[in-house]
Every structure is written in structure tokens, then in C-alpha cells.
Amino acid sequence: MNRTLALELVRVTEEASIAAASYTGKGDKKGADRAAVDAMRKAFKDIEIDGRVVIGEGDKDDAPELYVGEELGVGGVPVDIAVDPVEGTNMVAKAQPNALSVVAIGPRGGLLQAPDIYMEKIATGREAKGKINLDAPVKDNLEAVARAKNKKITEMVAIVLDRPRHEDIIKEVRDAGARIKLIDDGDVCAAISTAVPQSNVDILFGVGGAPEGVLAAVALMCMDGEMQGRIQPKDENQEKKAQDMGIEKGKLLNLDELVVGEDAMFAATGITNGDLLQGTEFYQDRDISATAKTHSLVMRKKTGTVRYISALHNLDKKPH
């Protein structure tokens, strides 16, 4: 894949973020998502790829845009596309932190086509790569990562979605002497934070969306981190859907099974202020009637480069 694709991906997440950010604090999560989906799809139209959505807004019958199987781009290198136009729709609606617009691409067949079901996950950054095990007790994983990072167990911070299903994990982390950062939503951002030194987050535990797991896996692959997952279908229909996609119930999925191939790219733009990125800002200017400022990151597996990009957008010239 051409390296210039990375900057094209940023343009896609910028457009979606600007569209969604206009809904910040308005209590309309569906409106924010709808605006971001529309803006993202329009931005993809001009990119020189032969793209196929493998993780999107849902099946074609349920999602008129960015549905699984939709073809995007004007032609070119064949790629798989994973999108989450608004990761954290509730956070946008409530003006809460850490909402992102996210896109990942990989070579055709390179991204796991994960169904919209739950996935058990564990993730960490480069220093502790090879030290975690989804099947090991929480305490053992905390101790392994602490040794790898030359930390005391009391200095360790685990990030966990604040859900009733995680009560046992939360208790085990605290019983081990470590600390917890509880989050309401946004486990893509949470997984990435384990590989960002300034976040002070060491490890992610818990169950979240399988599609979000694949998006996070691309980012962690680019950052030389690690992630493991296992799908958790809630009924026979979900189990069959996973089997139809080639995913076995109970199989532990390593990072190189979530993201396959020599190259992959990941881009994200902040919608609301957060630990990873600043949010999109709007303001008036004497010379430009309306301006948006975006903050993004883009990374590539092949080079391991992570770029942070700030941009000013003249909204009078934006198609949406």
C-alpha cells in the first residue's frame, strides 16, 4: 500500500469528526452517527483504492451506508476497510471525553471480518509484548506486565469498561493491589492507550465489541503492542454468524490472526477532548466565516511511524 494512503485516511476521519462534533452535547447520538457516516462515505469516494468494507455499520439490510460488503473508492489497490465513524456516540451526545472517528485498512483479506458480537480482550503496549495471556488469571497478567515495565504492582493501572459483567475483573485487579481506570465507552481508545506512555495505562481487560477489537488490533499492531481476543456469542444465531465468517467459538485470537499481512494503516480524529487526542473545535474568524480545527493521528504497520496531525478547515469549502 502506498504511504500516501495514510494521509487520505486522515482526511476521511477529519470529515467524519467535523460532522459529528457539531452534535456534541445535543443529546442526539443517532444524529451524530448519521452525520459522521454520511461524511465519511463521501470522503472515501475520491480515494484511489478498490476498497471493501469488512467492518462497518452493519449488514446491507440494516445500514444503507458503510455496510459490510460495500465497495468504496475509485479503483486501485485492493484493501479491506474497517470503520467506526463515531466511536462513542453516547460520549458525543453527552459531551463526554474520548469520542473518536476511526478508520483502518489492510490488504484484501488482511482484517478479520468480525461479527457485531462481544469479544473478550486483553491488550498491552510494546514493553510487555509477549507477556500477556487471555487464559491466565488477572493477577498473573498484572504481575507479568509489571515485571516487563519494571513497575511495582501498586503502580499498575488497568483500564476496564464500567459494566456489571466486569465486577469480577474489577475485584481481582484491586485485590492484586493495582489501580483501575473505569470508562463508560470507547474501548478502541482504551486499548490504544495501553501503548501510549503518557497515558499511564498499562493493560486492558474485559469484554467489548468484536468489531472494535479488530480496529484496536490494527492500531496496536502499528505500535508494536499486543492484543488477544476471543468471541463471546450470546446465542446460537450469533455463534452461527461467527462460524460463517470463519471464527471458531472459544478460539483464542492472537494479534496476527486479527490483522494479517505485511501492512496495515490506522487513523483517528478526536471528536471530543480525550486522553488520546484533542476534540474538534469550531470558531469564527474575520477572514474565514467558519473554521474547524481537528487533531488526528495516523500510523502504519510497515514502518511503525505514528504521526500526529493538527489541521484547520474552512467550512465554507467543505461539502457537508
Protein backbone atom coordinates (compact mmCIF):
# COMPACT_ATOMS: atom_id res chain seq x y z
CA MET A 1 0.00 0.00 0.00
CA ASN A 2 1.24 3.46 -0.90
CA ARG A 3 2.23 5.60 2.09
CA THR A 4 0.16 8.50 0.75
CA LEU A 5 -2.93 6.46 1.62
CA ALA A 6 -2.24 7.26 5.27
CA LEU A 7 -2.93 10.96 4.70
CA GLU A 8 -6.05 10.11 2.70
CA LEU A 9 -7.31 8.13 5.69
CA VAL A 10 -6.82 11.16 7.94
CA ARG A 11 -8.94 13.21 5.57
CA VAL A 12 -11.71 10.62 5.95
CA THR A 13 -11.68 10.71 9.77
CA GLU A 14 -11.42 14.52 9.77
CA GLU A 15 -14.58 14.83 7.70
CA ALA A 16 -16.48 12.41 9.92
CA SER A 17 -15.27 14.10 13.08
CA ILE A 18 -16.27 17.59 11.94
CA ALA A 19 -19.75 16.31 11.05
CA ALA A 20 -20.21 14.51 14.37
CA ALA A 21 -18.70 17.26 16.52
CA SER A 22 -21.50 19.64 15.57
CA TYR A 23 -23.78 17.37 17.63
CA THR A 24 -21.64 17.48 20.77
CA GLY A 25 -23.77 17.87 23.88
CA LYS A 26 -27.08 17.89 21.97
CA GLY A 27 -28.27 14.51 23.24
CA ASP A 28 -28.71 13.16 19.70
CA LYS A 29 -26.37 10.21 19.34
CA LYS A 30 -28.19 8.89 16.25
CA GLY A 31 -27.90 12.25 14.54
CA ALA A 32 -24.17 12.42 15.29
CA ASP A 33 -23.62 8.93 13.92
CA ARG A 34 -25.73 9.56 10.82
CA ALA A 35 -23.83 12.77 10.03
CA ALA A 36 -20.45 11.09 10.51
CA VAL A 37 -21.39 8.08 8.37
CA ASP A 38 -22.53 10.30 5.52
CA ALA A 39 -19.41 12.50 5.68
CA MET A 40 -17.07 9.51 5.88
CA ARG A 41 -18.67 7.75 2.93
CA LYS A 42 -18.40 10.90 0.78
CA ALA A 43 -14.73 11.28 1.68
CA PHE A 44 -13.98 7.70 0.60
CA LYS A 45 -15.38 8.34 -2.90
CA ASP A 46 -12.26 10.17 -4.09
CA ILE A 47 -9.60 7.79 -2.76
CA GLU A 48 -7.68 5.61 -5.21
CA ILE A 49 -8.44 2.23 -3.68
CA ASP A 50 -10.53 -0.79 -4.51
CA GLY A 51 -11.99 -0.90 -1.03
CA ARG A 52 -14.36 -3.37 0.57
CA VAL A 53 -15.96 -2.73 3.97
CA VAL A 54 -15.42 -5.71 6.28
CA ILE A 55 -16.33 -3.91 9.50
CA GLY A 56 -18.91 -1.17 9.22
CA GLU A 57 -22.34 -0.04 10.28
CA GLY A 58 -23.93 -3.47 9.89
CA ASP A 59 -25.44 -5.69 7.22
CA LYS A 60 -26.73 -4.14 3.99
CA ASP A 61 -30.36 -4.62 5.06
CA ASP A 62 -29.75 -2.60 8.25
CA ALA A 63 -27.26 0.02 7.04
CA PRO A 64 -27.75 1.99 3.81
CA GLU A 65 -24.18 3.37 4.01
CA LEU A 66 -20.85 1.86 5.03
CA TYR A 67 -22.48 -1.56 5.28
CA VAL A 68 -20.40 -4.73 5.36
CA GLY A 69 -19.54 -5.62 1.77
CA GLU A 70 -19.95 -2.10 0.38
CA GLU A 71 -17.31 -1.12 -2.18
CA LEU A 72 -15.57 2.23 -1.73
CA GLY A 73 -13.00 4.22 -3.68
CA VAL A 74 -12.40 4.99 -7.33
CA GLY A 75 -10.27 1.92 -8.01
CA GLY A 76 -6.70 0.99 -7.26
CA VAL A 77 -5.02 -1.19 -4.66
CA PRO A 78 -7.45 -3.77 -3.23
CA VAL A 79 -7.96 -3.26 0.52
CA ASP A 80 -10.19 -4.27 3.40
CA ILE A 81 -11.74 -1.35 5.30
CA ALA A 82 -12.85 -1.20 8.93
CA VAL A 83 -14.71 1.90 10.09
CA ASP A 84 -16.27 3.35 13.19
CA PRO A 85 -17.46 6.83 12.18
CA VAL A 86 -18.22 7.64 15.83
CA GLU A 87 -16.60 5.52 18.49
CA GLY A 88 -18.59 6.71 21.47
CA THR A 89 -21.93 8.07 20.25
CA ASN A 90 -23.11 8.45 23.85
CA MET A 91 -19.99 10.46 24.64
CA VAL A 92 -20.75 12.87 21.79
CA ALA A 93 -24.38 13.22 22.85
CA LYS A 94 -23.33 13.98 26.44
CA ALA A 95 -20.17 15.98 25.58
CA GLN A 96 -18.05 13.44 27.40
CA PRO A 97 -14.36 12.79 26.62
CA ASN A 98 -12.66 10.31 24.28
CA ALA A 99 -15.08 10.13 21.34
CA LEU A 100 -13.20 9.39 18.11
CA SER A 101 -13.75 8.85 14.41
CA VAL A 102 -11.76 5.77 13.38
CA VAL A 103 -10.70 4.03 10.16
CA ALA A 104 -8.34 1.13 9.47
CA ILE A 105 -7.30 -0.54 6.22
CA GLY A 106 -5.35 -3.65 5.39
CA PRO A 107 -4.60 -5.73 2.30
CA ARG A 108 -7.52 -7.69 0.89
CA GLY A 109 -8.23 -10.49 3.34
CA GLY A 110 -6.00 -8.88 5.95
CA LEU A 111 -8.59 -7.77 8.51
CA LEU A 112 -10.68 -10.26 10.45
CA GLN A 113 -14.32 -9.86 9.45
CA ALA A 114 -15.70 -9.85 12.96
CA PRO A 115 -19.46 -10.00 13.52
CA ASP A 116 -21.18 -7.43 15.72
CA ILE A 117 -20.98 -9.51 18.88
CA TYR A 118 -18.97 -9.42 22.09
CA MET A 119 -15.27 -10.22 22.32
CA GLU A 120 -13.22 -10.88 25.43
CA LYS A 121 -9.99 -8.86 25.19
CA ILE A 122 -6.63 -8.20 26.76
CA ALA A 123 -4.15 -5.63 25.46
CA THR A 124 -0.87 -4.00 26.38
CA GLY A 125 1.94 -1.96 24.85
CA ARG A 126 5.37 -2.68 23.41
CA GLU A 127 7.25 -3.14 26.69
CA ALA A 128 5.08 -6.06 27.76
CA LYS A 129 4.64 -7.66 24.34
CA GLY A 130 4.64 -11.44 24.66
CA LYS A 131 3.91 -11.33 28.38
CA ILE A 132 0.10 -11.40 28.46
CA ASN A 133 -2.25 -14.36 28.18
CA LEU A 134 -6.01 -14.11 27.93
CA ASP A 135 -6.33 -17.51 29.64
CA ALA A 136 -4.19 -16.55 32.63
CA PRO A 137 -5.61 -15.08 35.86
CA VAL A 138 -5.88 -11.30 36.09
CA LYS A 139 -3.25 -11.18 38.84
CA ASP A 140 -0.75 -13.17 36.76
CA ASN A 141 -1.15 -10.79 33.81
CA LEU A 142 -0.74 -7.76 36.05
CA GLU A 143 2.42 -9.19 37.57
CA ALA A 144 3.85 -10.12 34.16
CA VAL A 145 3.29 -6.65 32.75
CA ALA A 146 4.63 -5.04 35.94
CA ARG A 147 7.87 -7.05 35.64
CA ALA A 148 8.22 -6.14 31.96
CA LYS A 149 7.75 -2.44 32.71
CA ASN A 150 9.87 -2.50 35.88
CA LYS A 151 6.93 -1.35 37.99
CA LYS A 152 5.50 -2.27 41.33
CA ILE A 153 2.09 -3.92 41.20
CA THR A 154 0.72 -0.94 43.16
CA GLU A 155 1.83 1.35 40.30
CA MET A 156 -0.04 -0.62 37.67
CA VAL A 157 -3.18 0.84 36.03
CA ALA A 158 -5.72 -1.38 34.27
CA ILE A 159 -8.40 0.13 32.04
CA VAL A 160 -11.82 -1.53 32.10
CA LEU A 161 -15.28 -0.72 30.74
CA ASP A 162 -17.57 0.12 33.64
CA ARG A 163 -20.10 -2.68 33.19
CA PRO A 164 -21.76 -5.16 35.61
CA ARG A 165 -20.17 -8.01 33.63
CA HIS A 166 -16.75 -6.81 34.77
CA GLU A 167 -17.37 -6.91 38.52
CA ASP A 168 -15.11 -9.95 38.97
CA ILE A 169 -12.29 -8.41 36.93
CA ILE A 170 -12.52 -5.15 38.87
CA LYS A 171 -12.34 -7.03 42.17
CA GLU A 172 -9.37 -9.13 41.02
CA VAL A 173 -7.44 -6.06 39.88
CA ARG A 174 -8.00 -4.29 43.18
CA ASP A 175 -7.31 -7.40 45.25
CA ALA A 176 -3.97 -7.68 43.43
CA GLY A 177 -3.13 -4.14 44.61
CA ALA A 178 -3.34 -2.43 41.22
CA ARG A 179 -5.45 0.55 40.24
CA ILE A 180 -8.33 0.78 37.77
CA LYS A 181 -9.38 3.41 35.28
CA LEU A 182 -13.07 2.81 34.61
CA ILE A 183 -14.53 4.11 31.35
CA ASP A 184 -18.13 4.42 30.19
CA ASP A 185 -17.48 3.75 26.49
CA GLY A 186 -14.72 3.72 23.89
CA ASP A 187 -12.68 0.55 24.13
CA VAL A 188 -10.76 1.29 20.90
CA CYS A 189 -9.27 4.36 22.56
CA ALA A 190 -8.79 2.35 25.76
CA ALA A 191 -6.82 -0.39 24.03
CA ILE A 192 -4.61 2.12 22.22
CA SER A 193 -3.90 3.93 25.49
CA THR A 194 -2.02 0.85 26.76
CA ALA A 195 0.63 1.53 24.10
CA VAL A 196 0.89 5.29 24.73
CA PRO A 197 3.41 6.03 27.52
CA GLN A 198 1.88 9.37 28.54
CA SER A 199 -1.50 7.73 29.18
CA ASN A 200 -0.17 5.90 32.28
CA VAL A 201 -2.40 2.93 31.38
CA ASP A 202 -0.65 -0.45 31.41
CA ILE A 203 -3.20 -3.09 30.44
CA LEU A 204 -6.77 -3.51 29.20
CA PHE A 205 -9.12 -6.22 30.45
CA GLY A 206 -12.72 -7.04 29.67
CA VAL A 207 -15.43 -7.70 27.13
CA GLY A 208 -16.36 -5.24 24.39
CA GLY A 209 -17.41 -5.24 20.75
CA ALA A 210 -15.63 -7.61 18.37
CA PRO A 211 -15.51 -5.04 15.51
CA GLU A 212 -13.91 -2.53 17.89
CA GLY A 213 -11.44 -5.26 18.81
CA VAL A 214 -10.25 -5.52 15.20
CA LEU A 215 -9.89 -1.74 14.88
CA ALA A 216 -7.86 -1.62 18.09
CA ALA A 217 -5.76 -4.56 16.89
CA VAL A 218 -4.68 -2.63 13.78
CA ALA A 219 -3.54 0.30 15.92
CA LEU A 220 -1.68 -1.94 18.37
CA MET A 221 -0.03 -3.80 15.50
CA CYS A 222 1.24 -0.48 14.15
CA MET A 223 2.51 0.47 17.63
CA ASP A 224 4.19 -2.91 18.21
CA GLY A 225 1.84 -3.67 21.09
CA GLU A 226 -0.13 -6.83 21.74
CA MET A 227 -3.74 -7.89 21.91
CA GLN A 228 -5.59 -11.19 22.26
CA GLY A 229 -9.31 -11.79 21.85
CA ARG A 230 -11.99 -14.44 21.96
CA ILE A 231 -15.53 -14.01 20.64
CA GLN A 232 -18.43 -14.48 23.04
CA PRO A 233 -21.65 -15.19 21.11
CA LYS A 234 -24.73 -14.88 23.29
CA ASP A 235 -26.89 -17.35 21.37
CA GLU A 236 -26.88 -19.93 18.57
CA ASN A 237 -27.63 -17.32 15.90
CA GLN A 238 -24.55 -15.28 16.83
CA GLU A 239 -22.46 -18.44 17.04
CA LYS A 240 -23.54 -19.48 13.54
CA LYS A 241 -22.83 -15.99 12.19
CA ALA A 242 -19.30 -16.18 13.59
CA GLN A 243 -18.79 -19.65 12.15
CA ASP A 244 -19.95 -18.44 8.74
CA MET A 245 -17.19 -15.82 8.95
CA GLY A 246 -14.63 -18.49 9.82
CA ILE A 247 -14.33 -17.71 13.54
CA GLU A 248 -14.48 -20.62 15.96
CA LYS A 249 -16.23 -20.20 19.29
CA GLY A 250 -13.69 -20.48 22.09
CA LYS A 251 -10.65 -19.95 19.87
CA LEU A 252 -8.07 -17.54 21.23
CA LEU A 253 -7.25 -15.00 18.51
CA ASN A 254 -3.74 -13.57 18.59
CA LEU A 255 -2.86 -10.20 17.10
CA ASP A 256 -1.54 -11.73 13.88
CA GLU A 257 -4.87 -13.51 13.41
CA LEU A 258 -6.83 -10.29 13.88
CA VAL A 259 -4.59 -8.42 11.42
CA VAL A 260 -2.86 -10.45 8.70
CA GLY A 261 -0.28 -9.29 6.17
CA GLU A 262 2.77 -7.09 5.85
CA ASP A 263 0.98 -3.76 6.06
CA ALA A 264 -2.00 -2.03 7.61
CA MET A 265 -2.90 1.56 8.44
CA PHE A 266 -4.95 3.21 11.17
CA ALA A 267 -6.27 6.77 11.51
CA ALA A 268 -8.32 8.51 14.17
CA THR A 269 -9.56 12.07 14.72
CA GLY A 270 -10.80 13.39 18.05
CA ILE A 271 -14.44 14.41 18.23
CA THR A 272 -14.42 15.35 21.92
CA ASN A 273 -11.36 16.08 24.05
CA GLY A 274 -9.73 12.94 25.37
CA ASP A 275 -6.68 11.11 26.63
CA LEU A 276 -5.50 10.27 23.13
CA LEU A 277 -6.49 13.33 21.07
CA GLN A 278 -7.99 16.77 21.49
CA GLY A 279 -11.50 17.20 20.19
CA THR A 280 -12.69 19.09 17.12
CA GLU A 281 -13.11 22.81 17.76
CA PHE A 282 -15.26 25.38 15.93
CA TYR A 283 -14.71 29.12 15.87
CA GLN A 284 -15.31 32.26 13.83
CA ASP A 285 -12.59 34.25 12.08
CA ARG A 286 -12.62 37.71 10.50
CA ASP A 287 -11.35 36.39 7.19
CA ILE A 288 -12.91 32.92 7.30
CA SER A 289 -16.55 32.77 8.27
CA ALA A 290 -16.37 29.37 9.92
CA THR A 291 -13.35 27.27 10.83
CA ALA A 292 -12.86 23.85 12.39
CA LYS A 293 -9.65 22.65 14.00
CA THR A 294 -9.05 18.91 14.11
CA HIS A 295 -6.50 16.75 15.89
CA SER A 296 -5.66 13.36 14.41
CA LEU A 297 -3.17 10.54 14.44
CA VAL A 298 -2.24 8.13 11.69
CA MET A 299 0.01 5.09 11.87
CA ARG A 300 1.37 2.39 9.62
CA LYS A 301 2.30 -1.18 10.46
CA LYS A 302 5.09 -1.44 7.87
CA THR A 303 7.12 1.46 9.26
CA GLY A 304 5.82 1.77 12.81
CA THR A 305 5.52 5.53 12.30
CA VAL A 306 2.88 7.37 14.34
CA ARG A 307 2.06 10.87 13.11
CA TYR A 308 0.01 13.46 14.98
CA ILE A 309 -1.68 15.98 12.70
CA SER A 310 -3.45 19.26 13.50
CA ALA A 311 -5.46 20.88 10.73
CA LEU A 312 -7.58 23.97 10.12
CA HIS A 313 -10.62 23.54 7.86
CA ASN A 314 -12.50 26.28 6.03
CA LEU A 315 -16.04 25.03 6.46
CA ASP A 316 -17.34 27.18 3.61
CA LYS A 317 -15.45 24.85 1.27
CA LYS A 318 -16.47 21.56 2.92
CA PRO A 319 -19.06 19.52 1.00
CA HIS A 320 -21.07 18.67 4.11
